[in-house]
């Protein structure tokens, strides 16, 4: 990366992503978006040693500066050397991991001492303690959670209702008072509620700091969820600034020429030559799926007879061990066990559907590519994202578990039917048409000078430039 000292005389933005690829990637896209706007904007991004190479590769050739902070050692139950939630042996360790980042604050503030004036900082909501540093050094902190306005607003509205309601079961539906066309069950939102004291401590710290921050950077489009953006901004707290979809800020590798195409890309090219549609299957880097469920997914995909590309985590079951799955489906299915740039896959012209856990990054990438979603939420706010996808903007279909709960089991027959419905059925055609309409909306929102998201970020820059 180039020296950036000469650009510091104008405008300086600090970016501090949380140590997780799903949280880091949108922040890196934000860096590219800021650098595209005005030559006088300088970017400083903070990270840890183990996460440095990933960030450096993304920002290669830019004027951004990367500052490395040591990650805390001897975190209870967290194996030594782990600096990203993607590598945690279990997500039950997340609260300990996240709370330990507070130990980075002294080194972070030492680094701030050597920086020239900061106009604003965007830090992950999980790094709550950065508000103290921003206040100490006199610059605004904006929060990034990587969530939709829909899920945040729905969570707030449900909390209001829960103060006066007593539910008999996890699957009992309630009507959300603020949004009466929406019905939810406790199963859909209980994963967003703290389950123990450590989770509660972390959540209270993050929410309290967020409410005292300057605003929220939201990776979304105002036109995609106007009712929920307006509801959020009418609450009287820090404002939500919709500046997405951030995945459109940087051209993907799919738009350029590979020096040597990955195996999966060559496989997709062959399917495209035969005019064959492909289902993309991925459930993110955080979700833990049982061996029985993985095998059920495999059999459901096999019986559906559709072409598929399935990205699976290395630590998950080797489907070939005594199962012979990959051999049986080798002509129409491929398993990828390496980390991949998801957007490159979704943008391939052969991809016509996405079986997804509905992490917000995945939802946006799918919408931007005009690819409909088969929604299978598994944790956190994913059930709300799935509800938005299926019921609100209607760009996808829903996979339902045996007992209707988020944690429940999905049988092969159900998956087979839903996959066929998305890829070949009439409902699949309807949601594919909708997805393409929203893809055009997303592109317009990011158009230079005229798009709603572009203008929102301009307004934020102008507002903080005067401070």
Protein backbone atom coordinates (compact mmCIF):
# COMPACT_ATOMS: atom_id res chain seq x y z
CA UNK A 1 0.00 0.00 0.00
CA UNK A 2 1.13 3.50 -0.75
CA UNK A 3 2.25 6.09 1.76
CA UNK A 4 -0.75 8.11 2.87
CA UNK A 5 0.71 10.93 4.90
CA UNK A 6 0.14 13.59 2.24
CA UNK A 7 -3.63 12.97 2.20
CA UNK A 8 -4.05 13.37 5.95
CA UNK A 9 -4.34 17.15 5.70
CA UNK A 10 -7.92 16.84 4.48
CA UNK A 11 -10.14 14.04 5.82
CA UNK A 12 -9.32 10.95 7.86
CA UNK A 13 -11.50 7.92 8.60
CA UNK A 14 -10.62 5.09 11.00
CA UNK A 15 -12.12 1.65 10.36
CA UNK A 16 -12.01 -1.07 13.02
CA UNK A 17 -13.78 -4.32 12.02
CA UNK A 18 -14.52 -7.18 14.40
CA UNK A 19 -12.37 -10.29 14.05
CA UNK A 20 -14.69 -12.30 11.83
CA UNK A 21 -14.75 -12.47 8.03
CA UNK A 22 -18.47 -11.76 7.89
CA UNK A 23 -17.93 -8.53 9.83
CA UNK A 24 -14.64 -7.59 8.17
CA UNK A 25 -15.57 -7.93 4.49
CA UNK A 26 -18.27 -5.18 4.45
CA UNK A 27 -15.90 -2.81 6.27
CA UNK A 28 -13.26 -3.46 3.62
CA UNK A 29 -15.86 -2.69 0.96
CA UNK A 30 -16.63 0.54 2.83
CA UNK A 31 -12.93 1.43 2.65
CA UNK A 32 -13.01 1.06 -1.14
CA UNK A 33 -16.20 3.10 -1.34
CA UNK A 34 -14.66 5.95 0.66
CA UNK A 35 -11.47 5.89 -1.41
CA UNK A 36 -13.49 6.10 -4.64
CA UNK A 37 -15.13 9.34 -3.63
CA UNK A 38 -12.50 11.97 -2.96
CA UNK A 39 -8.72 11.79 -3.31
CA UNK A 40 -8.39 13.70 -0.06
CA UNK A 41 -9.89 10.91 2.08
CA UNK A 42 -7.35 8.87 4.05
CA UNK A 43 -8.17 5.49 5.61
CA UNK A 44 -6.57 3.84 8.64
CA UNK A 45 -7.78 0.34 9.44
CA UNK A 46 -6.99 -1.56 12.64
CA UNK A 47 -6.60 -5.33 12.85
CA UNK A 48 -4.60 -8.11 14.52
CA UNK A 49 -1.56 -10.10 13.27
CA UNK A 50 -3.50 -13.19 12.17
CA UNK A 51 -6.08 -11.09 10.28
CA UNK A 52 -3.56 -8.77 8.63
CA UNK A 53 -2.91 -10.71 5.41
CA UNK A 54 -6.62 -11.00 4.56
CA UNK A 55 -7.08 -7.25 4.99
CA UNK A 56 -3.84 -6.37 3.20
CA UNK A 57 -4.83 -8.48 0.18
CA UNK A 58 -8.20 -6.73 -0.05
CA UNK A 59 -6.69 -3.24 0.19
CA UNK A 60 -3.65 -3.91 -2.00
CA UNK A 61 -2.87 -1.01 -4.32
CA UNK A 62 -4.79 1.53 -2.23
CA UNK A 63 -3.49 4.35 -0.04
CA UNK A 64 -4.98 2.78 3.09
CA UNK A 65 -2.82 2.31 6.15
CA UNK A 66 -3.10 -0.85 8.27
CA UNK A 67 -2.25 -0.69 11.98
CA UNK A 68 -1.70 -4.02 13.74
CA UNK A 69 -2.74 -4.47 17.37
CA UNK A 70 -1.80 -7.56 19.39
CA UNK A 71 -4.72 -9.84 20.16
CA UNK A 72 -5.16 -10.76 23.84
CA UNK A 73 -3.63 -14.00 25.05
CA UNK A 74 -4.82 -16.57 27.59
CA UNK A 75 -8.55 -16.06 27.00
CA UNK A 76 -10.42 -18.68 29.08
CA UNK A 77 -11.23 -21.78 26.97
CA UNK A 78 -10.15 -20.10 23.70
CA UNK A 79 -7.22 -22.00 22.12
CA UNK A 80 -3.99 -20.01 21.77
CA UNK A 81 -3.44 -18.34 18.42
CA UNK A 82 -7.11 -17.93 17.49
CA UNK A 83 -7.86 -14.34 16.47
CA UNK A 84 -11.09 -14.79 14.53
CA UNK A 85 -14.48 -16.19 15.45
CA UNK A 86 -14.37 -18.21 12.21
CA UNK A 87 -11.76 -20.43 13.88
CA UNK A 88 -13.41 -20.83 17.28
CA UNK A 89 -14.03 -24.53 18.06
CA UNK A 90 -17.53 -23.57 19.23
CA UNK A 91 -19.61 -20.40 19.10
CA UNK A 92 -20.34 -20.86 22.80
CA UNK A 93 -16.91 -19.26 23.27
CA UNK A 94 -17.97 -16.10 21.45
CA UNK A 95 -18.79 -13.96 24.54
CA UNK A 96 -15.39 -14.71 26.11
CA UNK A 97 -13.65 -13.94 22.82
CA UNK A 98 -15.54 -10.68 22.28
CA UNK A 99 -15.20 -9.42 25.87
CA UNK A 100 -11.45 -10.06 25.74
CA UNK A 101 -11.02 -7.50 22.93
CA UNK A 102 -11.30 -4.80 25.63
CA UNK A 103 -7.67 -5.67 26.49
CA UNK A 104 -6.64 -4.15 23.15
CA UNK A 105 -7.78 -0.67 24.19
CA UNK A 106 -4.46 0.62 25.67
CA UNK A 107 -2.51 -0.32 22.52
CA UNK A 108 -5.29 1.11 20.34
CA UNK A 109 -5.09 4.44 22.18
CA UNK A 110 -1.30 4.45 21.95
CA UNK A 111 -1.71 4.15 18.17
CA UNK A 112 -4.27 6.98 18.11
CA UNK A 113 -1.67 9.27 19.70
CA UNK A 114 0.47 9.06 16.55
CA UNK A 115 -2.37 9.72 14.08
CA UNK A 116 -3.34 13.09 12.75
CA UNK A 117 -6.86 14.45 13.22
CA UNK A 118 -9.64 11.89 12.80
CA UNK A 119 -12.96 13.01 11.29
CA UNK A 120 -14.87 9.88 12.24
CA UNK A 121 -14.41 6.22 13.09
CA UNK A 122 -16.51 3.25 12.01
CA UNK A 123 -16.03 0.42 14.48
CA UNK A 124 -17.90 -2.83 14.86
CA UNK A 125 -20.67 -2.78 17.43
CA UNK A 126 -18.98 -5.72 19.17
CA UNK A 127 -15.97 -3.46 19.90
CA UNK A 128 -18.02 -1.38 22.35
CA UNK A 129 -14.97 -0.02 24.16
CA UNK A 130 -13.86 1.97 21.09
CA UNK A 131 -16.51 4.56 22.05
CA UNK A 132 -14.46 5.40 25.16
CA UNK A 133 -11.40 5.93 22.96
CA UNK A 134 -13.29 8.05 20.43
CA UNK A 135 -14.68 10.23 23.20
CA UNK A 136 -11.25 10.59 24.80
CA UNK A 137 -9.66 11.72 21.52
CA UNK A 138 -12.59 13.85 20.40
CA UNK A 139 -13.94 12.26 17.23
CA UNK A 140 -17.34 10.69 16.38
CA UNK A 141 -17.80 6.93 16.48
CA UNK A 142 -20.23 5.28 14.08
CA UNK A 143 -21.32 1.72 14.78
CA UNK A 144 -21.41 -1.14 12.29
CA UNK A 145 -23.36 -4.33 13.08
CA UNK A 146 -23.77 -5.80 9.60
CA UNK A 147 -27.52 -6.19 10.08
CA UNK A 148 -30.58 -4.99 8.17
CA UNK A 149 -32.85 -2.22 9.44
CA UNK A 150 -35.67 -4.77 9.27
CA UNK A 151 -34.06 -7.15 11.78
CA UNK A 152 -32.95 -4.38 14.15
CA UNK A 153 -36.33 -2.63 14.07
CA UNK A 154 -38.23 -5.90 14.42
CA UNK A 155 -36.09 -6.84 17.43
CA UNK A 156 -36.87 -3.50 19.10
CA UNK A 157 -40.58 -3.77 18.38
CA UNK A 158 -40.75 -7.34 19.68
CA UNK A 159 -39.00 -6.37 22.92
CA UNK A 160 -41.75 -3.80 23.48
CA UNK A 161 -44.42 -6.47 22.97
CA UNK A 162 -42.68 -9.05 25.17
CA UNK A 163 -43.00 -6.76 28.18
CA UNK A 164 -46.76 -7.29 28.11
CA UNK A 165 -47.13 -10.80 26.64
CA UNK A 166 -46.77 -14.30 28.06
CA UNK A 167 -46.30 -16.99 25.43
CA UNK A 168 -47.39 -20.57 26.01
CA UNK A 169 -44.87 -22.13 23.60
CA UNK A 170 -41.91 -21.28 21.39
CA UNK A 171 -44.03 -21.74 18.26
CA UNK A 172 -47.02 -19.61 19.32
CA UNK A 173 -47.35 -16.69 16.88
CA UNK A 174 -47.71 -13.12 18.04
CA UNK A 175 -48.62 -10.08 15.99
CA UNK A 176 -45.99 -7.35 16.20
CA UNK A 177 -47.85 -4.25 17.37
CA UNK A 178 -45.63 -1.76 15.53
CA UNK A 179 -45.79 -3.79 12.31
CA UNK A 180 -49.16 -5.60 12.44
CA UNK A 181 -48.66 -7.43 9.13
CA UNK A 182 -45.76 -9.35 10.71
CA UNK A 183 -46.23 -12.40 12.93
CA UNK A 184 -43.34 -14.03 14.80
CA UNK A 185 -42.78 -16.91 17.19
CA UNK A 186 -40.44 -16.98 20.19
CA UNK A 187 -38.38 -19.56 18.31
CA UNK A 188 -37.54 -16.91 15.72
CA UNK A 189 -36.16 -14.36 18.15
CA UNK A 190 -34.94 -16.27 21.19
CA UNK A 191 -31.46 -16.72 19.69
CA UNK A 192 -31.08 -12.92 19.89
CA UNK A 193 -31.80 -13.02 23.63
CA UNK A 194 -28.87 -13.58 26.05
CA UNK A 195 -28.78 -17.15 27.37
CA UNK A 196 -26.35 -16.62 30.26
CA UNK A 197 -24.69 -13.89 32.32
CA UNK A 198 -21.65 -13.60 30.06
CA UNK A 199 -23.82 -13.08 26.96
CA UNK A 200 -25.94 -10.55 28.85
CA UNK A 201 -22.86 -8.64 30.01
CA UNK A 202 -21.54 -8.43 26.46
CA UNK A 203 -24.88 -7.42 24.95
CA UNK A 204 -25.46 -4.68 27.52
CA UNK A 205 -22.00 -3.22 26.87
CA UNK A 206 -22.49 -3.26 23.08
CA UNK A 207 -26.01 -1.79 23.12
CA UNK A 208 -25.17 0.89 25.70
CA UNK A 209 -22.16 2.07 23.71
CA UNK A 210 -24.12 2.02 20.45
CA UNK A 211 -26.84 4.26 21.87
CA UNK A 212 -24.20 6.81 22.86
CA UNK A 213 -22.44 6.77 19.48
CA UNK A 214 -22.83 9.26 16.62
CA UNK A 215 -24.80 6.93 14.35
CA UNK A 216 -25.05 3.55 12.64
CA UNK A 217 -23.46 2.63 9.31
CA UNK A 218 -25.99 0.26 7.74
CA UNK A 219 -25.14 -2.04 4.85
CA UNK A 220 -28.51 -1.64 3.14
CA UNK A 221 -30.59 0.43 0.74
CA UNK A 222 -33.22 2.86 1.95
CA UNK A 223 -35.59 1.83 -0.87
CA UNK A 224 -35.30 -1.84 0.17
CA UNK A 225 -36.77 -1.27 3.65
CA UNK A 226 -38.04 2.33 3.97
CA UNK A 227 -40.64 1.59 6.65
CA UNK A 228 -38.02 0.08 8.93
CA UNK A 229 -35.37 2.75 8.32
CA UNK A 230 -37.94 5.44 9.15
CA UNK A 231 -39.08 3.57 12.26
CA UNK A 232 -35.47 3.24 13.46
CA UNK A 233 -34.69 6.91 12.83
CA UNK A 234 -37.89 8.08 14.52
CA UNK A 235 -36.82 6.53 17.85
CA UNK A 236 -34.77 9.56 18.80
CA UNK A 237 -31.43 7.81 19.06
CA UNK A 238 -28.37 7.83 16.77
CA UNK A 239 -29.29 7.88 13.08
CA UNK A 240 -29.02 4.93 10.68
CA UNK A 241 -27.04 5.83 7.55
CA UNK A 242 -27.86 3.43 4.69
CA UNK A 243 -24.77 3.29 2.46
CA UNK A 244 -25.08 -0.14 0.82
CA UNK A 245 -25.01 -2.60 -0.67
CA UNK A 246 -21.31 -2.33 0.16
CA UNK A 247 -20.51 -5.43 -1.90
CA UNK A 248 -21.03 -3.25 -4.99
CA UNK A 249 -18.32 -0.81 -3.89
CA UNK A 250 -15.51 -2.93 -5.31
CA UNK A 251 -15.57 -4.87 -8.61
CA UNK A 252 -15.42 -8.59 -7.92
CA UNK A 253 -12.94 -10.97 -9.47
CA UNK A 254 -15.85 -12.31 -11.49
CA UNK A 255 -15.78 -9.05 -13.43
CA UNK A 256 -12.10 -9.39 -14.27
CA UNK A 257 -10.01 -12.11 -15.87
CA UNK A 258 -8.61 -14.87 -13.69
CA UNK A 259 -4.97 -15.69 -14.38
CA UNK A 260 -5.93 -19.26 -13.57
CA UNK A 261 -9.57 -20.05 -12.88
CA UNK A 262 -10.31 -22.01 -9.69
CA UNK A 263 -11.67 -25.52 -10.15
CA UNK A 264 -15.14 -24.46 -9.07
CA UNK A 265 -15.18 -21.67 -11.65
CA UNK A 266 -14.16 -24.03 -14.44
CA UNK A 267 -16.93 -26.40 -13.32
CA UNK A 268 -19.52 -23.61 -13.43
CA UNK A 269 -18.28 -22.54 -16.87
CA UNK A 270 -18.95 -26.03 -18.17
CA UNK A 271 -22.47 -25.98 -16.77
CA UNK A 272 -23.05 -22.60 -18.41
CA UNK A 273 -21.87 -23.95 -21.76
CA UNK A 274 -24.53 -26.66 -21.47
CA UNK A 275 -27.10 -24.03 -20.39
CA UNK A 276 -27.52 -25.85 -17.07
CA UNK A 277 -28.74 -24.00 -13.99
CA UNK A 278 -26.85 -24.44 -10.72
CA UNK A 279 -27.95 -24.11 -7.08
CA UNK A 280 -25.36 -22.55 -4.79
CA UNK A 281 -25.37 -24.01 -1.25
CA UNK A 282 -23.58 -22.38 1.70
CA UNK A 283 -24.38 -21.81 5.36
CA UNK A 284 -21.65 -19.37 6.42
CA UNK A 285 -18.60 -19.80 8.60
CA UNK A 286 -20.26 -19.64 12.03
CA UNK A 287 -23.09 -22.17 11.82
CA UNK A 288 -22.51 -25.58 13.40
CA UNK A 289 -24.41 -28.33 11.55
CA UNK A 290 -24.69 -31.87 12.89
CA UNK A 291 -23.35 -34.85 10.95
CA UNK A 292 -26.87 -36.28 10.61
CA UNK A 293 -28.19 -33.00 9.19
CA UNK A 294 -25.29 -32.71 6.74
CA UNK A 295 -26.00 -36.19 5.42
CA UNK A 296 -29.70 -35.35 5.14
CA UNK A 297 -28.81 -32.23 3.12
CA UNK A 298 -26.60 -34.31 0.87
CA UNK A 299 -29.33 -36.90 0.18
CA UNK A 300 -31.92 -34.16 -0.39
CA UNK A 301 -29.68 -32.46 -2.94
CA UNK A 302 -28.97 -35.77 -4.63
CA UNK A 303 -32.64 -36.69 -4.91
CA UNK A 304 -33.58 -33.23 -6.22
CA UNK A 305 -31.60 -33.97 -9.40
CA UNK A 306 -30.50 -30.32 -9.67
CA UNK A 307 -26.92 -29.20 -10.32
CA UNK A 308 -25.32 -27.74 -7.22
CA UNK A 309 -22.13 -26.21 -5.85
CA UNK A 310 -21.85 -26.73 -2.09
CA UNK A 311 -19.30 -24.81 -0.01
CA UNK A 312 -18.67 -26.72 3.19
CA UNK A 313 -16.40 -25.95 6.14
CA UNK A 314 -13.25 -28.04 6.46
CA UNK A 315 -14.07 -29.03 10.02
CA UNK A 316 -17.40 -30.44 8.95
CA UNK A 317 -17.91 -34.06 7.95
CA UNK A 318 -16.01 -35.51 5.01
CA UNK A 319 -19.05 -36.59 3.03
CA UNK A 320 -17.03 -39.18 1.16
CA UNK A 321 -16.12 -41.16 4.30
CA UNK A 322 -18.20 -44.34 3.98
CA UNK A 323 -20.94 -42.30 2.34
CA UNK A 324 -19.80 -42.20 -1.30
CA UNK A 325 -21.90 -39.09 -1.88
CA UNK A 326 -19.42 -37.11 -3.95
CA UNK A 327 -18.81 -40.03 -6.28
CA UNK A 328 -22.53 -40.52 -6.87
CA UNK A 329 -23.20 -36.86 -7.72
CA UNK A 330 -19.91 -35.98 -9.45
CA UNK A 331 -21.58 -35.21 -12.80
CA UNK A 332 -23.92 -32.59 -11.37
CA UNK A 333 -22.53 -31.60 -7.98
CA UNK A 334 -19.26 -30.22 -6.64
CA UNK A 335 -18.12 -29.79 -3.03
CA UNK A 336 -15.76 -26.90 -2.21
CA UNK A 337 -13.93 -27.04 1.14
CA UNK A 338 -11.74 -23.96 0.82
CA UNK A 339 -12.72 -20.42 1.74
CA UNK A 340 -14.07 -18.70 -1.38
CA UNK A 341 -15.16 -15.22 -2.32
CA UNK A 342 -18.89 -15.88 -2.26
CA UNK A 343 -19.77 -12.98 -4.51
CA UNK A 344 -17.70 -14.45 -7.32
CA UNK A 345 -19.80 -17.61 -7.17
CA UNK A 346 -23.19 -15.90 -6.89
CA UNK A 347 -22.40 -13.62 -9.85
CA UNK A 348 -21.62 -16.53 -12.16
CA UNK A 349 -24.28 -16.67 -14.84
CA UNK A 350 -24.99 -20.36 -14.22
CA UNK A 351 -26.13 -19.73 -10.61
CA UNK A 352 -29.93 -19.53 -10.47
CA UNK A 353 -30.61 -20.12 -6.78
CA UNK A 354 -28.97 -19.91 -3.36
CA UNK A 355 -29.70 -22.26 -0.44
CA UNK A 356 -28.60 -19.98 2.38
CA UNK A 357 -28.56 -19.52 6.16
CA UNK A 358 -29.58 -15.90 5.47
CA UNK A 359 -26.67 -14.07 6.99
CA UNK A 360 -27.17 -10.45 5.93
CA UNK A 361 -24.06 -10.36 3.72
CA UNK A 362 -25.33 -13.42 1.86
CA UNK A 363 -28.79 -11.93 1.42
CA UNK A 364 -27.38 -8.72 -0.05
CA UNK A 365 -24.95 -10.50 -2.36
CA UNK A 366 -27.77 -12.68 -3.65
CA UNK A 367 -30.09 -9.70 -4.20
CA UNK A 368 -27.33 -7.75 -6.02
CA UNK A 369 -26.82 -10.70 -8.36
CA UNK A 370 -30.56 -11.13 -8.96
CA UNK A 371 -30.43 -14.66 -7.52
CA UNK A 372 -33.43 -15.92 -5.47
CA UNK A 373 -32.89 -17.46 -2.04
CA UNK A 374 -34.00 -20.69 -0.44
CA UNK A 375 -33.96 -19.48 3.16
CA UNK A 376 -32.82 -21.79 5.94
CA UNK A 377 -31.98 -19.61 8.98
CA UNK A 378 -30.04 -21.24 11.81
CA UNK A 379 -28.92 -18.66 14.39
CA UNK A 380 -28.76 -15.04 15.58
CA UNK A 381 -30.92 -12.63 13.53
CA UNK A 382 -31.04 -14.98 10.53
CA UNK A 383 -34.74 -15.91 11.12
CA UNK A 384 -35.62 -12.21 10.76
CA UNK A 385 -33.56 -11.95 7.56
CA UNK A 386 -35.35 -15.02 6.22
CA UNK A 387 -38.72 -13.50 7.10
CA UNK A 388 -37.77 -10.33 5.24
CA UNK A 389 -36.58 -12.31 2.22
CA UNK A 390 -39.70 -14.48 1.99
CA UNK A 391 -42.54 -12.31 3.33
CA UNK A 392 -41.46 -8.69 2.97
CA UNK A 393 -39.53 -8.35 -0.30
CA UNK A 394 -40.49 -11.78 -1.69
CA UNK A 395 -37.16 -12.76 -3.26
CA UNK A 396 -37.09 -16.26 -1.82
CA UNK A 397 -38.81 -19.37 -0.49
CA UNK A 398 -38.52 -20.88 2.99
CA UNK A 399 -37.22 -24.24 4.21
CA UNK A 400 -39.15 -25.41 7.28
CA UNK A 401 -37.87 -27.72 10.00
CA UNK A 402 -39.81 -30.75 11.28
CA UNK A 403 -40.99 -29.00 14.45
CA UNK A 404 -41.11 -25.47 13.05
CA UNK A 405 -38.28 -24.28 15.28
CA UNK A 406 -35.11 -22.58 14.05
CA UNK A 407 -32.94 -25.31 15.59
CA UNK A 408 -35.07 -28.16 14.23
CA UNK A 409 -34.17 -30.90 11.77
CA UNK A 410 -34.89 -30.63 8.04
CA UNK A 411 -35.72 -33.91 6.33
CA UNK A 412 -34.39 -34.85 2.91
CA UNK A 413 -37.90 -34.96 1.40
CA UNK A 414 -38.62 -31.39 2.48
CA UNK A 415 -35.32 -30.13 1.11
CA UNK A 416 -35.76 -32.01 -2.17
CA UNK A 417 -39.19 -30.46 -2.69
CA UNK A 418 -38.07 -26.94 -1.82
CA UNK A 419 -34.98 -27.12 -4.01
CA UNK A 420 -37.06 -28.26 -6.98
CA UNK A 421 -39.59 -25.52 -6.27
CA UNK A 422 -36.94 -22.80 -6.31
CA UNK A 423 -35.06 -24.05 -9.35
CA UNK A 424 -37.91 -25.36 -11.50
CA UNK A 425 -41.31 -24.35 -10.05
CA UNK A 426 -43.66 -21.44 -10.68
CA UNK A 427 -42.98 -19.90 -7.28
CA UNK A 428 -39.29 -20.07 -8.11
CA UNK A 429 -39.91 -18.09 -11.27
CA UNK A 430 -41.85 -15.45 -9.33
CA UNK A 431 -39.14 -14.87 -6.73
CA UNK A 432 -36.43 -14.92 -9.42
CA UNK A 433 -38.23 -12.10 -11.22
CA UNK A 434 -38.45 -10.12 -7.96
CA UNK A 435 -34.78 -10.70 -7.22
CA UNK A 436 -33.81 -9.24 -10.59
CA UNK A 437 -35.94 -6.16 -9.91
CA UNK A 438 -34.18 -5.58 -6.59
CA UNK A 439 -30.80 -6.11 -8.26
CA UNK A 440 -31.53 -3.09 -10.44
CA UNK A 441 -32.60 -1.10 -7.38
CA UNK A 442 -29.32 -1.96 -5.66
CA UNK A 443 -27.24 -0.79 -8.62
CA UNK A 444 -29.14 2.50 -8.79
CA UNK A 445 -28.63 3.12 -5.07
CA UNK A 446 -24.86 2.91 -5.52
CA UNK A 447 -24.63 5.04 -8.67
CA UNK A 448 -21.98 7.70 -8.31
CA UNK A 449 -23.42 11.12 -7.51
CA UNK A 450 -27.09 10.17 -7.86
CA UNK A 451 -27.76 6.94 -5.94
CA UNK A 452 -29.48 7.18 -2.56
CA UNK A 453 -26.70 5.33 -0.75
CA UNK A 454 -24.01 7.37 -2.48
CA UNK A 455 -25.73 10.62 -1.46
CA UNK A 456 -26.21 9.41 2.12
CA UNK A 457 -22.49 8.77 2.50
CA UNK A 458 -21.78 12.19 0.95
CA UNK A 459 -24.03 13.77 3.56
CA UNK A 460 -22.21 11.96 6.37
CA UNK A 461 -18.82 13.06 5.06
CA UNK A 462 -19.97 16.68 4.72
CA UNK A 463 -21.50 16.65 8.20
CA UNK A 464 -18.40 15.27 9.91
CA UNK A 465 -16.03 17.42 7.83
CA UNK A 466 -17.48 20.50 9.52
CA UNK A 467 -16.99 19.13 13.05
